[in-house]
Amino acid sequence: MAWAASPSRATRPTAQEGSGTTSSSTSWCRTASPLDQAELQAVGEQAGMPRDADELMDGLAGFVERRLAGRGRQRSLAHYACAVESVRHPELREILVPRQNAAREAVRAFLEARGVADAEGRTLTLLACVDGLVFDRLVGGGGVPRDEIAGLVAAALRDA
């Protein structure tokens, strides 16, 4: 079983979410952001902690692929629009703050089990870098080669 399973149907956005306009990005913050958190929780609960670095890379690659295509792409675009909107509407920042969820915890537990000092900090850095790859490919096009994700995982495991 791959580390990151596909999201459940219960966490998919409605058709009106994610069109990318300012009002819809604000609406996305209030409605779909909790759905994203629920998706990450469900994926993490279903997959659990990766058994090895390859399984972690596979899970991250699956996440990136889902965020760059179809509804995932729409949700990603709306998420970044919402992040920009939060500059004018600071109350939206709280909604966008990364939350504890089972997927994030699985990554942290994996790093901790491999002896990574400050596993929490490395988890945040790794996931921020993955988020940056998603943003870069949304803007510039293309996919994320496995070797880019492998480099991020290797960096997270460095000095472990």
N, C-alpha and C. Protein backbone atom coordinates (compact mmCIF):
# COMPACT_ATOMS: atom_id res chain seq x y z
N MET A 1 0.85 -1.20 0.00
CA MET A 1 0.00 0.00 0.00
C MET A 1 0.88 1.24 0.00
N ALA A 2 0.60 2.17 -0.86
CA ALA A 2 1.37 3.41 -0.91
C ALA A 2 1.12 4.21 0.35
N TRP A 3 2.12 4.97 0.74
CA TRP A 3 2.03 5.72 1.98
C TRP A 3 0.88 6.71 1.95
N ALA A 4 0.70 7.42 0.86
CA ALA A 4 -0.38 8.41 0.80
C ALA A 4 -1.50 7.87 -0.07
N ALA A 5 -2.56 7.47 0.55
CA ALA A 5 -3.72 6.95 -0.16
C ALA A 5 -4.49 8.11 -0.78
N SER A 6 -5.35 7.78 -1.72
CA SER A 6 -6.16 8.83 -2.33
C SER A 6 -7.15 9.38 -1.32
N PRO A 7 -7.51 10.66 -1.46
CA PRO A 7 -8.44 11.26 -0.50
C PRO A 7 -9.82 10.63 -0.60
N SER A 8 -10.51 10.69 0.52
CA SER A 8 -11.87 10.14 0.53
C SER A 8 -12.81 11.09 -0.20
N ARG A 9 -13.91 10.55 -0.67
CA ARG A 9 -14.90 11.37 -1.37
C ARG A 9 -15.48 12.45 -0.46
N ALA A 10 -15.50 12.19 0.83
CA ALA A 10 -16.09 13.14 1.77
C ALA A 10 -15.30 14.43 1.86
N THR A 11 -14.03 14.42 1.42
CA THR A 11 -13.21 15.62 1.55
C THR A 11 -13.05 16.37 0.23
N ARG A 12 -13.73 15.97 -0.81
CA ARG A 12 -13.61 16.66 -2.08
C ARG A 12 -14.39 17.97 -2.05
N PRO A 13 -13.86 19.02 -2.72
CA PRO A 13 -14.54 20.30 -2.71
C PRO A 13 -15.77 20.30 -3.61
N THR A 14 -16.62 21.26 -3.38
CA THR A 14 -17.77 21.44 -4.24
C THR A 14 -17.33 22.17 -5.50
N ALA A 15 -18.18 22.21 -6.49
CA ALA A 15 -17.82 22.79 -7.79
C ALA A 15 -17.47 24.27 -7.68
N GLN A 16 -18.11 24.99 -6.76
CA GLN A 16 -17.87 26.43 -6.70
C GLN A 16 -16.56 26.78 -6.00
N GLU A 17 -15.95 25.84 -5.33
CA GLU A 17 -14.71 26.15 -4.62
C GLU A 17 -13.56 26.24 -5.59
N GLY A 18 -12.65 27.17 -5.34
CA GLY A 18 -11.40 27.19 -6.04
C GLY A 18 -11.39 27.85 -7.40
N SER A 19 -12.29 28.77 -7.70
CA SER A 19 -12.24 29.40 -9.00
C SER A 19 -11.14 30.45 -9.09
N GLY A 20 -10.58 30.87 -7.95
CA GLY A 20 -9.42 31.73 -7.96
C GLY A 20 -9.70 33.22 -7.85
N THR A 21 -10.95 33.66 -7.84
CA THR A 21 -11.22 35.08 -7.70
C THR A 21 -11.10 35.46 -6.23
N THR A 22 -10.98 36.75 -5.96
CA THR A 22 -10.80 37.22 -4.59
C THR A 22 -11.94 36.77 -3.70
N SER A 23 -13.19 36.96 -4.12
CA SER A 23 -14.29 36.56 -3.25
C SER A 23 -14.34 35.05 -3.08
N SER A 24 -14.01 34.30 -4.13
CA SER A 24 -14.04 32.85 -3.99
C SER A 24 -12.85 32.37 -3.18
N SER A 25 -11.71 33.10 -3.22
CA SER A 25 -10.58 32.67 -2.39
C SER A 25 -10.90 32.88 -0.92
N THR A 26 -11.61 33.97 -0.59
CA THR A 26 -12.03 34.18 0.78
C THR A 26 -13.02 33.11 1.19
N SER A 27 -13.94 32.79 0.31
CA SER A 27 -14.89 31.72 0.57
C SER A 27 -14.16 30.39 0.74
N TRP A 28 -13.16 30.17 -0.09
CA TRP A 28 -12.37 28.94 0.03
C TRP A 28 -11.76 28.84 1.41
N CYS A 29 -11.20 29.94 1.91
CA CYS A 29 -10.58 29.91 3.24
C CYS A 29 -11.57 29.42 4.29
N ARG A 30 -12.77 29.87 4.19
CA ARG A 30 -13.75 29.55 5.22
C ARG A 30 -14.40 28.17 5.04
N THR A 31 -14.39 27.64 3.81
CA THR A 31 -15.09 26.37 3.58
C THR A 31 -14.16 25.22 3.19
N ALA A 32 -13.29 25.43 2.24
CA ALA A 32 -12.49 24.32 1.72
C ALA A 32 -11.21 24.08 2.51
N SER A 33 -10.69 25.09 3.17
CA SER A 33 -9.48 24.86 3.97
C SER A 33 -9.71 23.78 5.01
N PRO A 34 -10.84 23.78 5.71
CA PRO A 34 -11.10 22.66 6.63
C PRO A 34 -11.20 21.31 5.91
N LEU A 35 -11.66 21.33 4.66
CA LEU A 35 -11.71 20.09 3.88
C LEU A 35 -10.30 19.59 3.59
N ASP A 36 -9.39 20.52 3.28
CA ASP A 36 -8.00 20.12 3.07
C ASP A 36 -7.43 19.47 4.32
N GLN A 37 -7.72 20.06 5.46
CA GLN A 37 -7.23 19.48 6.72
C GLN A 37 -7.83 18.10 6.95
N ALA A 38 -9.10 17.94 6.64
CA ALA A 38 -9.75 16.64 6.80
C ALA A 38 -9.12 15.61 5.86
N GLU A 39 -8.79 16.04 4.65
CA GLU A 39 -8.13 15.14 3.70
C GLU A 39 -6.78 14.68 4.23
N LEU A 40 -5.99 15.62 4.72
CA LEU A 40 -4.67 15.26 5.27
C LEU A 40 -4.81 14.34 6.47
N GLN A 41 -5.81 14.58 7.28
CA GLN A 41 -6.05 13.71 8.43
C GLN A 41 -6.38 12.30 7.96
N ALA A 42 -7.28 12.19 7.00
CA ALA A 42 -7.71 10.88 6.50
C ALA A 42 -6.56 10.13 5.84
N VAL A 43 -5.76 10.82 5.03
CA VAL A 43 -4.62 10.18 4.36
C VAL A 43 -3.63 9.67 5.40
N GLY A 44 -3.32 10.49 6.38
CA GLY A 44 -2.38 10.08 7.41
C GLY A 44 -2.88 8.92 8.25
N GLU A 45 -4.16 8.94 8.57
CA GLU A 45 -4.73 7.84 9.36
C GLU A 45 -4.72 6.54 8.58
N GLN A 46 -5.03 6.62 7.30
CA GLN A 46 -5.10 5.42 6.48
C GLN A 46 -3.71 4.86 6.21
N ALA A 47 -2.76 5.70 5.93
CA ALA A 47 -1.43 5.23 5.53
C ALA A 47 -0.51 4.98 6.72
N GLY A 48 -0.61 5.77 7.77
CA GLY A 48 0.29 5.62 8.90
C GLY A 48 1.69 6.11 8.57
N MET A 49 2.63 5.78 9.45
CA MET A 49 4.01 6.23 9.28
C MET A 49 4.67 5.46 8.13
N PRO A 50 5.37 6.17 7.26
CA PRO A 50 6.09 5.47 6.18
C PRO A 50 7.11 4.48 6.77
N ARG A 51 7.30 3.37 6.06
CA ARG A 51 8.26 2.36 6.54
C ARG A 51 9.69 2.70 6.20
N ASP A 52 9.87 3.46 5.11
CA ASP A 52 11.22 3.83 4.70
C ASP A 52 11.17 5.11 3.88
N ALA A 53 12.35 5.60 3.50
CA ALA A 53 12.42 6.87 2.77
C ALA A 53 11.72 6.78 1.42
N ASP A 54 11.81 5.63 0.76
CA ASP A 54 11.12 5.48 -0.53
C ASP A 54 9.61 5.62 -0.37
N GLU A 55 9.08 5.04 0.68
CA GLU A 55 7.64 5.15 0.91
C GLU A 55 7.24 6.59 1.23
N LEU A 56 8.08 7.31 1.97
CA LEU A 56 7.81 8.73 2.23
C LEU A 56 7.84 9.51 0.92
N MET A 57 8.84 9.25 0.07
CA MET A 57 8.92 9.94 -1.22
C MET A 57 7.69 9.64 -2.07
N ASP A 58 7.25 8.37 -2.08
CA ASP A 58 6.06 8.01 -2.85
C ASP A 58 4.83 8.78 -2.35
N GLY A 59 4.70 8.87 -1.03
CA GLY A 59 3.57 9.59 -0.46
C GLY A 59 3.59 11.07 -0.81
N LEU A 60 4.77 11.67 -0.69
CA LEU A 60 4.89 13.10 -1.03
C LEU A 60 4.66 13.32 -2.52
N ALA A 61 5.17 12.41 -3.35
CA ALA A 61 4.96 12.52 -4.80
C ALA A 61 3.47 12.42 -5.14
N GLY A 62 2.77 11.51 -4.48
CA GLY A 62 1.33 11.38 -4.71
C GLY A 62 0.58 12.64 -4.31
N PHE A 63 0.99 13.22 -3.18
CA PHE A 63 0.37 14.46 -2.73
C PHE A 63 0.58 15.57 -3.76
N VAL A 64 1.83 15.72 -4.24
CA VAL A 64 2.15 16.75 -5.21
C VAL A 64 1.35 16.54 -6.49
N GLU A 65 1.28 15.31 -6.97
CA GLU A 65 0.51 15.03 -8.19
C GLU A 65 -0.95 15.42 -8.02
N ARG A 66 -1.53 15.10 -6.87
CA ARG A 66 -2.95 15.45 -6.64
C ARG A 66 -3.14 16.96 -6.58
N ARG A 67 -2.14 17.69 -6.11
CA ARG A 67 -2.26 19.15 -5.99
C ARG A 67 -2.00 19.87 -7.29
N LEU A 68 -1.49 19.18 -8.30
CA LEU A 68 -1.17 19.82 -9.57
C LEU A 68 -2.15 19.49 -10.69
N ALA A 69 -3.13 18.66 -10.42
CA ALA A 69 -4.05 18.24 -11.48
C ALA A 69 -5.50 18.30 -11.00
N GLY A 70 -6.40 18.54 -11.94
CA GLY A 70 -7.83 18.48 -11.67
C GLY A 70 -8.28 19.37 -10.53
N ARG A 71 -9.11 18.80 -9.67
CA ARG A 71 -9.65 19.56 -8.53
C ARG A 71 -8.54 19.97 -7.56
N GLY A 72 -7.54 19.13 -7.44
CA GLY A 72 -6.42 19.47 -6.56
C GLY A 72 -5.73 20.75 -7.03
N ARG A 73 -5.58 20.89 -8.34
CA ARG A 73 -4.98 22.12 -8.89
C ARG A 73 -5.85 23.32 -8.57
N GLN A 74 -7.16 23.18 -8.75
CA GLN A 74 -8.08 24.28 -8.44
C GLN A 74 -7.97 24.66 -6.96
N ARG A 75 -7.91 23.66 -6.10
CA ARG A 75 -7.82 23.93 -4.67
C ARG A 75 -6.48 24.58 -4.33
N SER A 76 -5.41 24.14 -4.98
CA SER A 76 -4.10 24.74 -4.72
C SER A 76 -4.08 26.21 -5.15
N LEU A 77 -4.60 26.49 -6.33
CA LEU A 77 -4.66 27.88 -6.80
C LEU A 77 -5.48 28.74 -5.85
N ALA A 78 -6.61 28.22 -5.39
CA ALA A 78 -7.44 28.97 -4.45
C ALA A 78 -6.71 29.18 -3.13
N HIS A 79 -5.98 28.17 -2.68
CA HIS A 79 -5.22 28.28 -1.43
C HIS A 79 -4.19 29.41 -1.52
N TYR A 80 -3.45 29.46 -2.61
CA TYR A 80 -2.44 30.52 -2.75
C TYR A 80 -3.09 31.89 -2.92
N ALA A 81 -4.21 31.95 -3.62
CA ALA A 81 -4.95 33.22 -3.72
C ALA A 81 -5.41 33.67 -2.34
N CYS A 82 -5.85 32.73 -1.55
CA CYS A 82 -6.31 33.03 -0.20
C CYS A 82 -5.15 33.53 0.66
N ALA A 83 -3.97 32.94 0.47
CA ALA A 83 -2.80 33.39 1.23
C ALA A 83 -2.51 34.85 0.92
N VAL A 84 -2.61 35.23 -0.35
CA VAL A 84 -2.41 36.64 -0.72
C VAL A 84 -3.52 37.50 -0.13
N GLU A 85 -4.75 37.01 -0.19
CA GLU A 85 -5.90 37.75 0.36
C GLU A 85 -5.74 37.98 1.86
N SER A 86 -5.07 37.08 2.55
CA SER A 86 -4.91 37.21 4.00
C SER A 86 -4.04 38.41 4.38
N VAL A 87 -3.31 38.95 3.43
CA VAL A 87 -2.55 40.18 3.70
C VAL A 87 -3.51 41.34 3.97
N ARG A 88 -4.62 41.36 3.22
CA ARG A 88 -5.63 42.41 3.40
C ARG A 88 -6.66 42.05 4.46
N HIS A 89 -6.80 40.76 4.74
CA HIS A 89 -7.78 40.27 5.71
C HIS A 89 -7.07 39.36 6.70
N PRO A 90 -6.39 39.96 7.69
CA PRO A 90 -5.59 39.18 8.63
C PRO A 90 -6.35 38.07 9.35
N GLU A 91 -7.66 38.21 9.48
CA GLU A 91 -8.44 37.16 10.15
C GLU A 91 -8.39 35.84 9.39
N LEU A 92 -8.05 35.89 8.10
CA LEU A 92 -7.94 34.67 7.31
C LEU A 92 -6.66 33.89 7.61
N ARG A 93 -5.66 34.55 8.17
CA ARG A 93 -4.39 33.87 8.45
C ARG A 93 -4.57 32.68 9.37
N GLU A 94 -5.41 32.82 10.37
CA GLU A 94 -5.63 31.72 11.32
C GLU A 94 -6.15 30.47 10.60
N ILE A 95 -6.97 30.68 9.59
CA ILE A 95 -7.51 29.55 8.85
C ILE A 95 -6.41 28.85 8.05
N LEU A 96 -5.44 29.62 7.57
CA LEU A 96 -4.38 29.07 6.72
C LEU A 96 -3.22 28.46 7.50
N VAL A 97 -3.14 28.72 8.79
CA VAL A 97 -2.04 28.20 9.59
C VAL A 97 -2.03 26.68 9.51
N PRO A 98 -0.87 26.08 9.20
CA PRO A 98 -0.82 24.61 9.16
C PRO A 98 -1.30 24.02 10.47
N ARG A 99 -2.05 22.98 10.37
CA ARG A 99 -2.62 22.31 11.54
C ARG A 99 -1.93 20.98 11.76
N GLN A 100 -2.04 20.53 12.99
CA GLN A 100 -1.63 19.16 13.26
C GLN A 100 -2.61 18.25 12.56
N ASN A 101 -2.13 17.28 11.87
CA ASN A 101 -2.98 16.28 11.25
C ASN A 101 -2.18 14.99 11.16
N ALA A 102 -2.86 13.92 10.85
CA ALA A 102 -2.21 12.61 10.87
C ALA A 102 -1.11 12.49 9.82
N ALA A 103 -1.26 13.13 8.66
CA ALA A 103 -0.22 13.05 7.64
C ALA A 103 1.05 13.75 8.12
N ARG A 104 0.89 14.93 8.66
CA ARG A 104 2.05 15.67 9.19
C ARG A 104 2.69 14.90 10.34
N GLU A 105 1.87 14.33 11.20
CA GLU A 105 2.39 13.55 12.32
C GLU A 105 3.14 12.31 11.83
N ALA A 106 2.65 11.69 10.75
CA ALA A 106 3.34 10.52 10.20
C ALA A 106 4.73 10.90 9.70
N VAL A 107 4.86 12.05 9.07
CA VAL A 107 6.17 12.51 8.61
C VAL A 107 7.07 12.79 9.81
N ARG A 108 6.55 13.48 10.82
CA ARG A 108 7.34 13.79 12.01
C ARG A 108 7.79 12.51 12.72
N ALA A 109 6.88 11.56 12.87
CA ALA A 109 7.22 10.30 13.54
C ALA A 109 8.29 9.53 12.75
N PHE A 110 8.18 9.57 11.43
CA PHE A 110 9.18 8.92 10.58
C PHE A 110 10.56 9.53 10.81
N LEU A 111 10.64 10.85 10.79
CA LEU A 111 11.93 11.52 10.99
C LEU A 111 12.46 11.26 12.40
N GLU A 112 11.59 11.31 13.37
CA GLU A 112 12.00 11.06 14.75
C GLU A 112 12.52 9.63 14.91
N ALA A 113 11.84 8.67 14.29
CA ALA A 113 12.26 7.26 14.38
C ALA A 113 13.62 7.03 13.74
N ARG A 114 14.01 7.90 12.83
CA ARG A 114 15.32 7.79 12.20
C ARG A 114 16.38 8.63 12.89
N GLY A 115 16.04 9.16 14.06
CA GLY A 115 17.02 9.88 14.86
C GLY A 115 17.28 11.32 14.45
N VAL A 116 16.38 11.90 13.70
CA VAL A 116 16.55 13.29 13.29
C VAL A 116 16.35 14.19 14.50
N ALA A 117 17.38 15.00 14.77
CA ALA A 117 17.25 16.00 15.84
C ALA A 117 16.25 17.04 15.35
N ASP A 118 15.41 17.52 16.25
CA ASP A 118 14.38 18.50 15.91
C ASP A 118 13.50 18.00 14.76
N ALA A 119 12.93 16.82 14.96
CA ALA A 119 12.06 16.23 13.94
C ALA A 119 10.89 17.15 13.59
N GLU A 120 10.38 17.87 14.57
CA GLU A 120 9.27 18.79 14.31
C GLU A 120 9.70 19.90 13.35
N GLY A 121 10.85 20.50 13.61
CA GLY A 121 11.36 21.56 12.75
C GLY A 121 11.65 21.06 11.34
N ARG A 122 12.26 19.88 11.25
CA ARG A 122 12.55 19.32 9.93
C ARG A 122 11.27 18.97 9.18
N THR A 123 10.26 18.52 9.91
CA THR A 123 8.97 18.22 9.28
C THR A 123 8.39 19.48 8.67
N LEU A 124 8.38 20.56 9.44
CA LEU A 124 7.84 21.82 8.93
C LEU A 124 8.62 22.29 7.71
N THR A 125 9.94 22.17 7.76
CA THR A 125 10.77 22.60 6.63
C THR A 125 10.52 21.73 5.41
N LEU A 126 10.49 20.41 5.61
CA LEU A 126 10.24 19.50 4.49
C LEU A 126 8.90 19.80 3.83
N LEU A 127 7.86 19.93 4.64
CA LEU A 127 6.54 20.16 4.07
C LEU A 127 6.42 21.55 3.44
N ALA A 128 7.12 22.54 3.98
CA ALA A 128 7.14 23.87 3.35
C ALA A 128 7.84 23.81 2.00
N CYS A 129 8.91 23.02 1.91
CA CYS A 129 9.61 22.87 0.63
C CYS A 129 8.73 22.15 -0.39
N VAL A 130 8.00 21.14 0.03
CA VAL A 130 7.07 20.45 -0.87
C VAL A 130 6.01 21.44 -1.34
N ASP A 131 5.49 22.24 -0.42
CA ASP A 131 4.51 23.26 -0.78
C ASP A 131 5.11 24.23 -1.80
N GLY A 132 6.37 24.59 -1.61
CA GLY A 132 7.04 25.47 -2.57
C GLY A 132 7.16 24.85 -3.95
N LEU A 133 7.42 23.53 -4.02
CA LEU A 133 7.45 22.86 -5.32
C LEU A 133 6.09 22.90 -5.99
N VAL A 134 5.04 22.70 -5.21
CA VAL A 134 3.68 22.77 -5.77
C VAL A 134 3.44 24.17 -6.33
N PHE A 135 3.75 25.19 -5.55
CA PHE A 135 3.55 26.56 -6.02
C PHE A 135 4.35 26.83 -7.30
N ASP A 136 5.62 26.43 -7.30
CA ASP A 136 6.49 26.66 -8.46
C ASP A 136 5.92 26.02 -9.72
N ARG A 137 5.40 24.80 -9.59
CA ARG A 137 4.87 24.11 -10.77
C ARG A 137 3.50 24.62 -11.16
N LEU A 138 2.73 25.12 -10.22
CA LEU A 138 1.47 25.76 -10.58
C LEU A 138 1.73 27.00 -11.43
N VAL A 139 2.74 27.76 -11.06
CA VAL A 139 3.06 29.00 -11.76
C VAL A 139 3.82 28.72 -13.06
N GLY A 140 4.81 27.84 -12.98
CA GLY A 140 5.69 27.61 -14.13
C GLY A 140 5.32 26.43 -15.01
N GLY A 141 4.42 25.60 -14.55
CA GLY A 141 4.03 24.43 -15.32
C GLY A 141 4.94 23.24 -15.05
N GLY A 142 4.50 22.12 -15.49
CA GLY A 142 5.28 20.89 -15.36
C GLY A 142 4.97 20.15 -14.08
N GLY A 143 5.63 19.02 -13.95
CA GLY A 143 5.49 18.18 -12.78
C GLY A 143 6.72 18.27 -11.91
N VAL A 144 6.73 17.49 -10.85
CA VAL A 144 7.86 17.46 -9.94
C VAL A 144 8.53 16.09 -10.07
N PRO A 145 9.75 16.07 -10.62
CA PRO A 145 10.45 14.79 -10.74
C PRO A 145 10.75 14.18 -9.37
N ARG A 146 10.74 12.87 -9.33
CA ARG A 146 10.98 12.14 -8.08
C ARG A 146 12.31 12.55 -7.46
N ASP A 147 13.34 12.83 -8.27
CA ASP A 147 14.64 13.17 -7.70
C ASP A 147 14.61 14.48 -6.92
N GLU A 148 13.69 15.39 -7.26
CA GLU A 148 13.56 16.62 -6.47
C GLU A 148 12.99 16.31 -5.10
N ILE A 149 12.00 15.44 -5.05
CA ILE A 149 11.43 15.04 -3.76
C ILE A 149 12.45 14.23 -2.98
N ALA A 150 13.19 13.36 -3.68
CA ALA A 150 14.23 12.56 -3.03
C ALA A 150 15.27 13.47 -2.38
N GLY A 151 15.62 14.56 -3.04
CA GLY A 151 16.58 15.51 -2.47
C GLY A 151 16.06 16.16 -1.21
N LEU A 152 14.78 16.48 -1.19
CA LEU A 152 14.18 17.09 0.00
C LEU A 152 14.15 16.09 1.16
N VAL A 153 13.78 14.85 0.87
CA VAL A 153 13.74 13.82 1.91
C VAL A 153 15.15 13.57 2.44
N ALA A 154 16.13 13.49 1.54
CA ALA A 154 17.51 13.28 1.96
C ALA A 154 17.99 14.41 2.86
N ALA A 155 17.63 15.64 2.51
CA ALA A 155 18.02 16.79 3.34
C ALA A 155 17.36 16.71 4.72
N ALA A 156 16.11 16.28 4.75
CA ALA A 156 15.41 16.15 6.04
C ALA A 156 16.06 15.08 6.91
N LEU A 157 16.62 14.07 6.29
CA LEU A 157 17.24 12.96 7.03
C LEU A 157 18.73 13.19 7.32
N ARG A 158 19.30 14.24 6.75
CA ARG A 158 20.73 14.51 6.92
C ARG A 158 21.08 14.63 8.39
N ASP A 159 22.21 14.09 8.75
CA ASP A 159 22.75 14.10 10.10
C ASP A 159 21.91 13.29 11.08
N ALA A 160 21.11 12.39 10.54
CA ALA A 160 20.29 11.54 11.43
C ALA A 160 21.10 10.34 11.90
